[in-house]
N, C-alpha and C. Protein backbone atom coordinates (compact mmCIF):
# COMPACT_ATOMS: atom_id res chain seq x y z
N MET A 1 0.83 -1.20 0.00
CA MET A 1 0.00 0.00 0.00
C MET A 1 0.87 1.26 0.00
N LYS A 2 1.90 1.25 0.87
CA LYS A 2 2.80 2.40 0.97
C LYS A 2 3.50 2.64 -0.37
N THR A 3 3.93 1.58 -1.05
CA THR A 3 4.60 1.70 -2.34
C THR A 3 3.66 2.30 -3.39
N ARG A 4 2.40 1.89 -3.34
CA ARG A 4 1.42 2.40 -4.29
C ARG A 4 1.19 3.90 -4.09
N ILE A 5 1.11 4.36 -2.86
CA ILE A 5 0.92 5.78 -2.56
C ILE A 5 2.12 6.58 -3.04
N ILE A 6 3.32 6.07 -2.80
CA ILE A 6 4.53 6.74 -3.26
C ILE A 6 4.55 6.82 -4.78
N SER A 7 4.12 5.76 -5.45
CA SER A 7 4.07 5.76 -6.91
C SER A 7 3.09 6.81 -7.43
N ILE A 8 1.94 6.89 -6.81
CA ILE A 8 0.94 7.88 -7.23
C ILE A 8 1.46 9.29 -7.01
N ILE A 9 2.08 9.55 -5.88
CA ILE A 9 2.64 10.88 -5.61
C ILE A 9 3.73 11.21 -6.62
N THR A 10 4.57 10.24 -6.96
CA THR A 10 5.63 10.45 -7.95
C THR A 10 5.05 10.80 -9.31
N ILE A 11 4.02 10.09 -9.74
CA ILE A 11 3.38 10.36 -11.03
C ILE A 11 2.79 11.76 -11.05
N ILE A 12 2.13 12.16 -9.99
CA ILE A 12 1.54 13.50 -9.90
C ILE A 12 2.64 14.57 -9.97
N ALA A 13 3.71 14.35 -9.24
CA ALA A 13 4.82 15.31 -9.23
C ALA A 13 5.45 15.43 -10.62
N LEU A 14 5.67 14.29 -11.28
CA LEU A 14 6.26 14.33 -12.62
C LEU A 14 5.33 15.00 -13.62
N ALA A 15 4.05 14.79 -13.50
CA ALA A 15 3.10 15.46 -14.39
C ALA A 15 3.18 16.98 -14.24
N GLY A 16 3.34 17.42 -13.02
CA GLY A 16 3.49 18.86 -12.78
C GLY A 16 4.77 19.41 -13.34
N LEU A 17 5.86 18.65 -13.25
CA LEU A 17 7.15 19.10 -13.77
C LEU A 17 7.17 19.19 -15.28
N CYS A 18 6.48 18.30 -15.96
CA CYS A 18 6.50 18.33 -17.41
C CYS A 18 5.44 19.25 -17.99
N GLY A 19 4.67 19.91 -17.15
CA GLY A 19 3.65 20.82 -17.65
C GLY A 19 2.45 20.09 -18.20
N CYS A 20 2.27 18.84 -17.79
CA CYS A 20 1.19 18.03 -18.33
C CYS A 20 -0.15 18.30 -17.67
N SER A 21 -0.14 18.94 -16.53
CA SER A 21 -1.43 19.16 -15.87
C SER A 21 -2.25 20.15 -16.68
N GLN A 22 -3.53 19.92 -16.73
CA GLN A 22 -4.39 20.75 -17.56
C GLN A 22 -4.75 22.07 -16.91
N GLY A 23 -4.36 22.28 -15.68
CA GLY A 23 -4.68 23.51 -14.99
C GLY A 23 -3.70 24.64 -15.26
N ASN A 24 -2.60 24.37 -15.99
CA ASN A 24 -1.61 25.40 -16.25
C ASN A 24 -2.18 26.50 -17.13
N ALA A 25 -1.97 27.74 -16.76
CA ALA A 25 -2.41 28.86 -17.57
C ALA A 25 -1.42 29.05 -18.71
N ALA A 26 -1.94 29.32 -19.90
CA ALA A 26 -1.09 29.55 -21.06
C ALA A 26 -0.44 30.93 -20.94
N THR A 27 0.74 31.06 -21.52
CA THR A 27 1.44 32.34 -21.54
C THR A 27 1.01 33.10 -22.78
N LYS A 28 0.47 34.28 -22.58
CA LYS A 28 0.05 35.12 -23.70
C LYS A 28 1.28 35.72 -24.37
N ALA A 29 1.25 35.80 -25.68
CA ALA A 29 2.32 36.46 -26.42
C ALA A 29 2.22 37.96 -26.17
N ALA A 30 3.35 38.58 -25.95
CA ALA A 30 3.39 40.02 -25.67
C ALA A 30 3.03 40.83 -26.92
N GLU A 31 2.16 41.79 -26.74
CA GLU A 31 1.78 42.69 -27.83
C GLU A 31 2.96 43.61 -28.13
N PHE A 32 3.13 43.94 -29.39
CA PHE A 32 4.18 44.88 -29.80
C PHE A 32 3.73 45.59 -31.07
N THR A 33 4.36 46.72 -31.33
CA THR A 33 4.21 47.44 -32.58
C THR A 33 5.61 47.82 -33.02
N LEU A 34 5.97 47.39 -34.23
CA LEU A 34 7.29 47.66 -34.80
C LEU A 34 7.12 48.13 -36.24
N LEU A 35 8.17 48.71 -36.78
CA LEU A 35 8.17 49.07 -38.19
C LEU A 35 8.64 47.88 -39.01
N ASP A 36 8.01 47.69 -40.17
CA ASP A 36 8.49 46.65 -41.07
C ASP A 36 9.60 47.23 -41.95
N ILE A 37 10.13 46.43 -42.85
CA ILE A 37 11.26 46.87 -43.67
C ILE A 37 10.87 47.94 -44.69
N ASN A 38 9.59 48.22 -44.83
CA ASN A 38 9.11 49.28 -45.72
C ASN A 38 8.66 50.52 -44.95
N GLY A 39 8.87 50.51 -43.63
CA GLY A 39 8.53 51.68 -42.81
C GLY A 39 7.11 51.71 -42.31
N ARG A 40 6.34 50.64 -42.54
CA ARG A 40 4.95 50.58 -42.06
C ARG A 40 4.91 50.04 -40.64
N SER A 41 3.99 50.55 -39.86
CA SER A 41 3.78 50.11 -38.49
C SER A 41 2.98 48.81 -38.49
N VAL A 42 3.51 47.79 -37.79
CA VAL A 42 2.87 46.48 -37.73
C VAL A 42 2.80 46.05 -36.26
N SER A 43 1.62 45.57 -35.86
CA SER A 43 1.41 45.10 -34.49
C SER A 43 1.11 43.61 -34.51
N LEU A 44 1.43 42.95 -33.42
CA LEU A 44 1.10 41.53 -33.31
C LEU A 44 -0.41 41.35 -33.45
N SER A 45 -1.18 42.27 -32.90
CA SER A 45 -2.65 42.16 -32.95
C SER A 45 -3.20 42.23 -34.38
N ASP A 46 -2.39 42.69 -35.34
CA ASP A 46 -2.82 42.69 -36.75
C ASP A 46 -3.05 41.26 -37.25
N PHE A 47 -2.48 40.29 -36.56
CA PHE A 47 -2.55 38.90 -36.98
C PHE A 47 -3.46 38.06 -36.08
N LYS A 48 -4.35 38.73 -35.39
CA LYS A 48 -5.27 38.05 -34.47
C LYS A 48 -6.02 36.94 -35.20
N GLY A 49 -6.12 35.79 -34.54
CA GLY A 49 -6.82 34.66 -35.13
C GLY A 49 -5.96 33.78 -36.01
N LYS A 50 -4.69 34.12 -36.17
CA LYS A 50 -3.77 33.34 -36.99
C LYS A 50 -2.85 32.51 -36.09
N VAL A 51 -2.33 31.44 -36.63
CA VAL A 51 -1.25 30.70 -36.00
C VAL A 51 0.02 31.41 -36.45
N ILE A 52 0.89 31.74 -35.50
CA ILE A 52 2.06 32.57 -35.82
C ILE A 52 3.35 31.85 -35.45
N ILE A 53 4.28 31.89 -36.39
CA ILE A 53 5.67 31.55 -36.09
C ILE A 53 6.39 32.88 -36.01
N LEU A 54 6.85 33.24 -34.81
CA LEU A 54 7.51 34.52 -34.56
C LEU A 54 8.99 34.24 -34.37
N ASP A 55 9.79 34.70 -35.34
CA ASP A 55 11.21 34.34 -35.39
C ASP A 55 12.10 35.55 -35.15
N PHE A 56 12.91 35.49 -34.09
CA PHE A 56 13.94 36.51 -33.83
C PHE A 56 15.22 36.02 -34.51
N TRP A 57 15.80 36.84 -35.38
CA TRP A 57 16.92 36.40 -36.20
C TRP A 57 17.78 37.59 -36.61
N ALA A 58 18.87 37.31 -37.35
CA ALA A 58 19.72 38.35 -37.92
C ALA A 58 20.35 37.84 -39.21
N THR A 59 20.67 38.75 -40.10
CA THR A 59 21.23 38.38 -41.40
C THR A 59 22.63 37.80 -41.30
N TRP A 60 23.35 38.10 -40.23
CA TRP A 60 24.72 37.63 -40.05
C TRP A 60 24.79 36.28 -39.32
N CYS A 61 23.66 35.72 -38.98
CA CYS A 61 23.57 34.49 -38.18
C CYS A 61 23.35 33.28 -39.11
N PRO A 62 24.38 32.41 -39.29
CA PRO A 62 24.22 31.25 -40.19
C PRO A 62 23.03 30.35 -39.86
N PRO A 63 22.77 29.97 -38.59
CA PRO A 63 21.60 29.12 -38.35
C PRO A 63 20.29 29.83 -38.66
N CYS A 64 20.25 31.14 -38.44
CA CYS A 64 19.05 31.92 -38.77
C CYS A 64 18.80 31.86 -40.28
N LYS A 65 19.84 32.10 -41.05
CA LYS A 65 19.71 32.09 -42.51
C LYS A 65 19.33 30.70 -43.01
N ALA A 66 19.79 29.66 -42.34
CA ALA A 66 19.47 28.29 -42.75
C ALA A 66 17.99 27.97 -42.54
N GLU A 67 17.34 28.64 -41.58
CA GLU A 67 15.91 28.40 -41.33
C GLU A 67 15.00 29.15 -42.31
N ILE A 68 15.49 30.21 -42.91
CA ILE A 68 14.65 31.05 -43.77
C ILE A 68 13.97 30.25 -44.90
N PRO A 69 14.68 29.39 -45.62
CA PRO A 69 13.97 28.60 -46.65
C PRO A 69 12.84 27.75 -46.09
N HIS A 70 13.00 27.23 -44.86
CA HIS A 70 11.92 26.46 -44.23
C HIS A 70 10.70 27.35 -44.03
N PHE A 71 10.93 28.56 -43.54
CA PHE A 71 9.82 29.47 -43.28
C PHE A 71 9.12 29.88 -44.58
N ILE A 72 9.89 30.10 -45.63
CA ILE A 72 9.30 30.46 -46.93
C ILE A 72 8.40 29.32 -47.41
N GLU A 73 8.89 28.07 -47.33
CA GLU A 73 8.10 26.91 -47.75
C GLU A 73 6.83 26.77 -46.92
N LEU A 74 6.97 26.87 -45.60
CA LEU A 74 5.81 26.74 -44.72
C LEU A 74 4.80 27.86 -44.97
N TYR A 75 5.28 29.06 -45.21
CA TYR A 75 4.40 30.21 -45.47
C TYR A 75 3.54 29.96 -46.70
N TYR A 76 4.18 29.51 -47.79
CA TYR A 76 3.41 29.23 -49.01
C TYR A 76 2.44 28.07 -48.81
N LYS A 77 2.88 27.05 -48.10
CA LYS A 77 2.06 25.85 -47.93
C LYS A 77 0.85 26.07 -47.02
N TYR A 78 1.01 26.88 -45.95
CA TYR A 78 -0.04 26.97 -44.93
C TYR A 78 -0.67 28.36 -44.75
N LYS A 79 -0.25 29.33 -45.51
CA LYS A 79 -0.81 30.68 -45.36
C LYS A 79 -2.33 30.67 -45.54
N SER A 80 -2.83 29.92 -46.50
CA SER A 80 -4.27 29.87 -46.75
C SER A 80 -5.04 29.18 -45.62
N LYS A 81 -4.33 28.45 -44.76
CA LYS A 81 -4.97 27.77 -43.63
C LYS A 81 -4.87 28.59 -42.34
N GLY A 82 -4.25 29.77 -42.44
CA GLY A 82 -4.19 30.64 -41.27
C GLY A 82 -2.83 30.77 -40.62
N LEU A 83 -1.76 30.35 -41.31
CA LEU A 83 -0.42 30.51 -40.76
C LEU A 83 0.14 31.88 -41.14
N GLU A 84 0.77 32.52 -40.18
CA GLU A 84 1.52 33.75 -40.43
C GLU A 84 2.91 33.57 -39.87
N ILE A 85 3.88 33.97 -40.63
CA ILE A 85 5.26 33.95 -40.15
C ILE A 85 5.72 35.39 -40.07
N ILE A 86 6.32 35.74 -38.94
CA ILE A 86 6.81 37.10 -38.73
C ILE A 86 8.27 36.99 -38.32
N GLY A 87 9.13 37.61 -39.09
CA GLY A 87 10.54 37.66 -38.75
C GLY A 87 10.84 38.98 -38.06
N ILE A 88 11.50 38.92 -36.92
CA ILE A 88 11.93 40.14 -36.24
C ILE A 88 13.45 40.18 -36.33
N GLY A 89 13.94 41.04 -37.22
CA GLY A 89 15.36 41.16 -37.46
C GLY A 89 16.05 41.99 -36.39
N LEU A 90 17.18 41.49 -35.92
CA LEU A 90 17.91 42.16 -34.86
C LEU A 90 19.24 42.74 -35.34
N ASP A 91 19.35 42.98 -36.63
CA ASP A 91 20.57 43.56 -37.19
C ASP A 91 20.73 45.01 -36.76
N THR A 92 21.97 45.41 -36.50
CA THR A 92 22.22 46.81 -36.14
C THR A 92 22.02 47.73 -37.34
N GLY A 93 22.10 47.20 -38.54
CA GLY A 93 21.89 47.99 -39.76
C GLY A 93 20.43 48.32 -40.03
N GLY A 94 19.53 47.73 -39.26
CA GLY A 94 18.11 48.04 -39.35
C GLY A 94 17.44 47.64 -40.65
N ALA A 95 16.44 48.43 -41.03
CA ALA A 95 15.56 48.11 -42.16
C ALA A 95 16.33 47.96 -43.47
N LYS A 96 17.32 48.77 -43.69
CA LYS A 96 18.06 48.72 -44.96
C LYS A 96 18.69 47.34 -45.17
N VAL A 97 19.40 46.86 -44.18
CA VAL A 97 20.07 45.55 -44.26
C VAL A 97 19.04 44.43 -44.38
N LEU A 98 17.99 44.51 -43.58
CA LEU A 98 16.95 43.48 -43.61
C LEU A 98 16.22 43.44 -44.94
N LYS A 99 15.93 44.61 -45.50
CA LYS A 99 15.22 44.68 -46.78
C LYS A 99 16.08 44.11 -47.90
N GLU A 100 17.36 44.44 -47.91
CA GLU A 100 18.26 43.89 -48.93
C GLU A 100 18.31 42.37 -48.83
N PHE A 101 18.39 41.84 -47.62
CA PHE A 101 18.42 40.40 -47.42
C PHE A 101 17.11 39.76 -47.89
N ALA A 102 15.98 40.34 -47.48
CA ALA A 102 14.67 39.79 -47.85
C ALA A 102 14.50 39.75 -49.37
N ASN A 103 14.89 40.84 -50.04
CA ASN A 103 14.77 40.89 -51.50
C ASN A 103 15.68 39.87 -52.17
N ALA A 104 16.90 39.74 -51.69
CA ALA A 104 17.87 38.83 -52.29
C ALA A 104 17.51 37.36 -52.06
N ASN A 105 16.73 37.08 -51.01
CA ASN A 105 16.44 35.69 -50.64
C ASN A 105 14.98 35.30 -50.82
N GLY A 106 14.18 36.15 -51.45
CA GLY A 106 12.79 35.80 -51.74
C GLY A 106 11.89 35.69 -50.52
N VAL A 107 12.19 36.45 -49.48
CA VAL A 107 11.37 36.42 -48.27
C VAL A 107 10.14 37.29 -48.51
N THR A 108 8.97 36.68 -48.43
CA THR A 108 7.73 37.42 -48.68
C THR A 108 6.88 37.60 -47.43
N TYR A 109 7.22 36.91 -46.35
CA TYR A 109 6.48 37.11 -45.11
C TYR A 109 6.99 38.38 -44.43
N PRO A 110 6.22 38.94 -43.50
CA PRO A 110 6.60 40.21 -42.88
C PRO A 110 7.93 40.12 -42.11
N ILE A 111 8.79 41.08 -42.37
CA ILE A 111 10.04 41.25 -41.63
C ILE A 111 9.96 42.58 -40.91
N LEU A 112 10.11 42.53 -39.59
CA LEU A 112 10.03 43.73 -38.76
C LEU A 112 11.40 44.03 -38.17
N VAL A 113 11.61 45.30 -37.85
CA VAL A 113 12.88 45.73 -37.26
C VAL A 113 12.73 45.66 -35.75
N GLY A 114 13.50 44.76 -35.14
CA GLY A 114 13.41 44.54 -33.71
C GLY A 114 14.16 45.58 -32.90
N ASN A 115 13.90 45.56 -31.58
CA ASN A 115 14.58 46.45 -30.64
C ASN A 115 14.61 45.77 -29.27
N ASN A 116 15.26 46.42 -28.32
CA ASN A 116 15.37 45.85 -26.97
C ASN A 116 14.02 45.67 -26.29
N ASN A 117 13.07 46.56 -26.57
CA ASN A 117 11.75 46.45 -25.94
C ASN A 117 11.07 45.13 -26.30
N VAL A 118 11.10 44.77 -27.57
CA VAL A 118 10.41 43.54 -27.98
C VAL A 118 11.19 42.30 -27.53
N THR A 119 12.51 42.33 -27.56
CA THR A 119 13.25 41.16 -27.07
C THR A 119 13.03 40.98 -25.58
N ASN A 120 12.98 42.07 -24.83
CA ASN A 120 12.70 41.97 -23.39
C ASN A 120 11.29 41.47 -23.12
N ALA A 121 10.33 41.89 -23.95
CA ALA A 121 8.94 41.46 -23.78
C ALA A 121 8.79 39.95 -23.97
N TYR A 122 9.73 39.37 -24.73
CA TYR A 122 9.70 37.93 -24.97
C TYR A 122 10.74 37.20 -24.13
N GLY A 123 10.98 37.73 -22.95
CA GLY A 123 11.82 37.05 -21.98
C GLY A 123 13.31 37.30 -22.10
N GLY A 124 13.66 38.32 -22.86
CA GLY A 124 15.08 38.60 -23.04
C GLY A 124 15.72 37.62 -23.99
N VAL A 125 15.51 37.79 -25.28
CA VAL A 125 16.07 36.91 -26.29
C VAL A 125 17.59 37.00 -26.19
N ARG A 126 18.23 35.92 -25.79
CA ARG A 126 19.67 35.93 -25.55
C ARG A 126 20.47 35.23 -26.63
N GLY A 127 19.82 34.43 -27.42
CA GLY A 127 20.48 33.73 -28.52
C GLY A 127 19.55 33.70 -29.71
N ILE A 128 20.14 33.66 -30.90
CA ILE A 128 19.31 33.59 -32.09
C ILE A 128 19.78 32.43 -32.95
N PRO A 129 18.88 31.85 -33.70
CA PRO A 129 17.47 32.18 -33.75
C PRO A 129 16.73 31.74 -32.49
N THR A 130 15.77 32.54 -32.10
CA THR A 130 14.79 32.18 -31.07
C THR A 130 13.43 32.35 -31.71
N THR A 131 12.64 31.30 -31.65
CA THR A 131 11.37 31.28 -32.36
C THR A 131 10.25 30.86 -31.42
N PHE A 132 9.12 31.55 -31.54
CA PHE A 132 7.94 31.25 -30.74
C PHE A 132 6.83 30.79 -31.66
N VAL A 133 6.12 29.74 -31.26
CA VAL A 133 4.92 29.31 -31.97
C VAL A 133 3.74 29.76 -31.12
N ILE A 134 2.84 30.51 -31.76
CA ILE A 134 1.72 31.14 -31.07
C ILE A 134 0.42 30.63 -31.69
N ASP A 135 -0.52 30.22 -30.85
CA ASP A 135 -1.80 29.69 -31.36
C ASP A 135 -2.76 30.81 -31.74
N ARG A 136 -3.92 30.44 -32.25
CA ARG A 136 -4.91 31.41 -32.74
C ARG A 136 -5.45 32.32 -31.64
N GLU A 137 -5.32 31.91 -30.38
CA GLU A 137 -5.80 32.71 -29.25
C GLU A 137 -4.71 33.62 -28.70
N GLY A 138 -3.52 33.58 -29.31
CA GLY A 138 -2.43 34.44 -28.85
C GLY A 138 -1.59 33.85 -27.74
N ASN A 139 -1.69 32.54 -27.52
CA ASN A 139 -0.90 31.88 -26.48
C ASN A 139 0.39 31.31 -27.06
N ILE A 140 1.48 31.48 -26.34
CA ILE A 140 2.74 30.89 -26.75
C ILE A 140 2.66 29.39 -26.46
N ILE A 141 2.79 28.61 -27.52
CA ILE A 141 2.73 27.15 -27.42
C ILE A 141 4.13 26.57 -27.21
N LYS A 142 5.12 27.18 -27.84
CA LYS A 142 6.48 26.64 -27.77
C LYS A 142 7.50 27.74 -28.04
N LYS A 143 8.59 27.68 -27.30
CA LYS A 143 9.75 28.53 -27.55
C LYS A 143 10.89 27.61 -27.97
N LEU A 144 11.52 27.95 -29.10
CA LEU A 144 12.61 27.15 -29.62
C LEU A 144 13.85 28.03 -29.76
N VAL A 145 14.97 27.58 -29.24
CA VAL A 145 16.22 28.33 -29.35
C VAL A 145 17.19 27.52 -30.18
N GLY A 146 17.76 28.15 -31.19
CA GLY A 146 18.70 27.47 -32.07
C GLY A 146 18.01 26.97 -33.33
N TYR A 147 18.82 26.49 -34.24
CA TYR A 147 18.33 25.99 -35.53
C TYR A 147 17.35 24.84 -35.34
N GLN A 148 16.28 24.88 -36.13
CA GLN A 148 15.29 23.79 -36.14
C GLN A 148 15.02 23.42 -37.59
N THR A 149 14.67 22.17 -37.82
CA THR A 149 14.32 21.73 -39.17
C THR A 149 12.90 22.17 -39.51
N LYS A 150 12.59 22.14 -40.79
CA LYS A 150 11.23 22.46 -41.24
C LYS A 150 10.22 21.52 -40.60
N GLU A 151 10.59 20.25 -40.45
CA GLU A 151 9.69 19.25 -39.89
C GLU A 151 9.30 19.57 -38.45
N VAL A 152 10.21 20.13 -37.69
CA VAL A 152 9.91 20.51 -36.31
C VAL A 152 8.80 21.55 -36.29
N PHE A 153 8.94 22.58 -37.12
CA PHE A 153 7.92 23.63 -37.16
C PHE A 153 6.60 23.09 -37.70
N GLU A 154 6.68 22.29 -38.75
CA GLU A 154 5.47 21.74 -39.36
C GLU A 154 4.69 20.89 -38.36
N GLU A 155 5.39 20.09 -37.60
CA GLU A 155 4.73 19.25 -36.59
C GLU A 155 4.05 20.12 -35.53
N LEU A 156 4.71 21.20 -35.12
CA LEU A 156 4.13 22.08 -34.09
C LEU A 156 2.87 22.80 -34.55
N ILE A 157 2.81 23.15 -35.82
CA ILE A 157 1.66 23.95 -36.30
C ILE A 157 0.49 23.10 -36.79
N GLN A 158 0.74 21.83 -37.10
CA GLN A 158 -0.30 20.97 -37.68
C GLN A 158 -1.63 21.02 -36.92
N ASP A 159 -1.58 20.77 -35.63
CA ASP A 159 -2.81 20.71 -34.84
C ASP A 159 -3.40 22.09 -34.55
N LEU A 160 -2.62 23.15 -34.78
CA LEU A 160 -3.09 24.50 -34.50
C LEU A 160 -3.85 25.12 -35.67
N LEU A 161 -3.58 24.61 -36.87
CA LEU A 161 -4.21 25.21 -38.07
C LEU A 161 -5.63 24.74 -38.28
């Protein structure tokens, strides 16, 4: 009997550690307004009701650049189902550098010029790429740090679309 009680307590504790309990409150994605590479003001709320891949990146970052083709493919494949991809560029050269990169690499999803306020709002982005998957209700479903394959992102968004 004592062993069974200990087993049950262990299972409950492990469920809490892995975030498996259904009582956990979802983390809302922080609202922001930034300029895009064309100088237009863009807010996260502009994409309300969409599944969002929010990617913090830079043009000088090899793993960031390696993910861009994945995002372009996913954008074309799932945009009609409600997927939005937003790149937040953290280059010191700002919009000019980001726009040149986007044009040269066929990036058609929104690229915004990031700043310290938005990186701090997302927990202090300390390494790039850092990518957040956000559901249609604006909840952060997953935070990914470092290079990820297209399949990782596709698997995360499948049930959300």
